[in-house]
């Protein structure tokens, strides 16, 4: 592939530079995708999935947590008991309420 760079205009050179930059940036990703596709095809030919052969377990989807507690001032605000405590929950505990009082 011979390109006479001296015959190109500045606009054409900048466009070529942009295209080369993009090609270089995506080269490794394209190669990885090609290799992965080849490996998946080979595994399929042998009757397996690639994740089975690699020892990877399929990712589990966790069901959304159900609400355990509700804000007494606004029942639309709920908390499942997972993660960080909401401010309204902490405020209710500090005011003397018990977690059982806030249960849905």
Protein backbone atom coordinates (compact mmCIF):
# COMPACT_ATOMS: atom_id res chain seq x y z
CA UNK A 1 0.00 0.00 0.00
CA UNK A 2 1.85 3.03 -1.27
CA UNK A 3 0.38 6.46 -0.64
CA UNK A 4 2.04 9.51 -2.06
CA UNK A 5 1.71 11.79 0.96
CA UNK A 6 3.20 14.73 -0.95
CA UNK A 7 0.29 14.67 -3.39
CA UNK A 8 -2.34 15.01 -0.64
CA UNK A 9 -3.81 18.29 0.53
CA UNK A 10 -3.66 19.38 4.18
CA UNK A 11 -7.31 18.42 4.64
CA UNK A 12 -6.68 14.95 3.19
CA UNK A 13 -3.58 14.49 5.37
CA UNK A 14 -5.51 15.42 8.52
CA UNK A 15 -8.32 13.03 7.57
CA UNK A 16 -5.78 10.26 6.97
CA UNK A 17 -4.14 11.02 10.33
CA UNK A 18 -7.53 10.79 12.05
CA UNK A 19 -8.29 7.45 10.40
CA UNK A 20 -4.87 6.06 11.34
CA UNK A 21 -5.32 7.20 14.94
CA UNK A 22 -8.68 5.45 15.20
CA UNK A 23 -7.32 2.27 13.62
CA UNK A 24 -4.37 2.16 16.00
CA UNK A 25 -6.58 2.81 19.03
CA UNK A 26 -9.00 0.01 18.18
CA UNK A 27 -6.48 -2.52 16.84
CA UNK A 28 -6.02 -4.49 20.05
CA UNK A 29 -9.75 -4.55 20.80
CA UNK A 30 -10.49 -5.87 17.31
CA UNK A 31 -7.85 -8.59 17.69
CA UNK A 32 -9.26 -9.65 21.07
CA UNK A 33 -12.78 -9.86 19.64
CA UNK A 34 -11.55 -11.97 16.74
CA UNK A 35 -9.68 -14.32 19.10
CA UNK A 36 -12.69 -14.61 21.39
CA UNK A 37 -14.97 -15.40 18.46
CA UNK A 38 -12.58 -18.14 17.28
CA UNK A 39 -12.40 -19.66 20.75
CA UNK A 40 -16.18 -19.57 21.17
CA UNK A 41 -16.64 -21.27 17.80
CA UNK A 42 -14.13 -24.01 18.68
CA UNK A 43 -15.80 -24.60 22.05
CA UNK A 44 -19.20 -24.79 20.34
CA UNK A 45 -17.84 -27.38 17.89
CA UNK A 46 -16.78 -29.49 20.88
CA UNK A 47 -20.18 -29.12 22.54
CA UNK A 48 -19.23 -26.67 25.27
CA UNK A 49 -19.54 -23.00 25.98
CA UNK A 50 -16.42 -20.95 26.43
CA UNK A 51 -17.42 -20.05 29.99
CA UNK A 52 -17.69 -23.76 30.85
CA UNK A 53 -14.20 -24.43 29.56
CA UNK A 54 -12.72 -21.38 31.25
CA UNK A 55 -14.25 -22.41 34.57
CA UNK A 56 -16.28 -19.25 34.85
CA UNK A 57 -19.68 -19.51 36.41
CA UNK A 58 -22.50 -17.60 34.79
CA UNK A 59 -23.30 -14.37 36.56
CA UNK A 60 -26.28 -14.49 38.85
CA UNK A 61 -28.81 -11.74 38.78
CA UNK A 62 -29.85 -10.74 42.25
CA UNK A 63 -33.55 -10.09 42.69
CA UNK A 64 -34.40 -6.59 43.82
CA UNK A 65 -34.65 -6.36 47.57
CA UNK A 66 -38.08 -5.90 49.08
CA UNK A 67 -38.71 -3.02 51.44
CA UNK A 68 -38.45 -3.86 55.14
CA UNK A 69 -38.71 -0.40 56.64
CA UNK A 70 -40.76 2.69 55.78
CA UNK A 71 -40.35 6.30 56.79
CA UNK A 72 -43.23 7.12 59.19
CA UNK A 73 -43.40 10.68 57.85
CA UNK A 74 -43.45 9.60 54.19
CA UNK A 75 -44.39 5.98 53.45
CA UNK A 76 -43.08 6.34 49.89
CA UNK A 77 -39.52 6.33 51.32
CA UNK A 78 -38.53 2.75 52.08
CA UNK A 79 -35.37 0.83 52.87
CA UNK A 80 -34.62 -2.86 52.38
CA UNK A 81 -32.15 -3.10 55.23
CA UNK A 82 -29.29 -3.53 52.76
CA UNK A 83 -26.59 -0.98 52.25
CA UNK A 84 -26.27 2.38 53.90
CA UNK A 85 -28.96 3.44 56.35
CA UNK A 86 -31.10 6.32 55.11
CA UNK A 87 -31.06 9.55 57.09
CA UNK A 88 -34.70 9.21 58.06
CA UNK A 89 -33.97 5.77 59.56
CA UNK A 90 -31.09 7.10 61.66
CA UNK A 91 -33.17 10.09 62.75
CA UNK A 92 -36.02 7.82 63.84
CA UNK A 93 -33.63 5.64 65.87
CA UNK A 94 -32.11 8.71 67.53
CA UNK A 95 -35.57 9.96 68.45
CA UNK A 96 -36.17 6.77 70.42
CA UNK A 97 -37.93 4.54 67.91
CA UNK A 98 -36.92 0.92 67.45
CA UNK A 99 -36.31 -0.72 64.07
CA UNK A 100 -39.37 -2.91 64.68
CA UNK A 101 -41.52 0.26 64.85
CA UNK A 102 -40.45 1.20 61.31
CA UNK A 103 -41.10 -2.16 59.68
CA UNK A 104 -43.47 -2.30 56.74
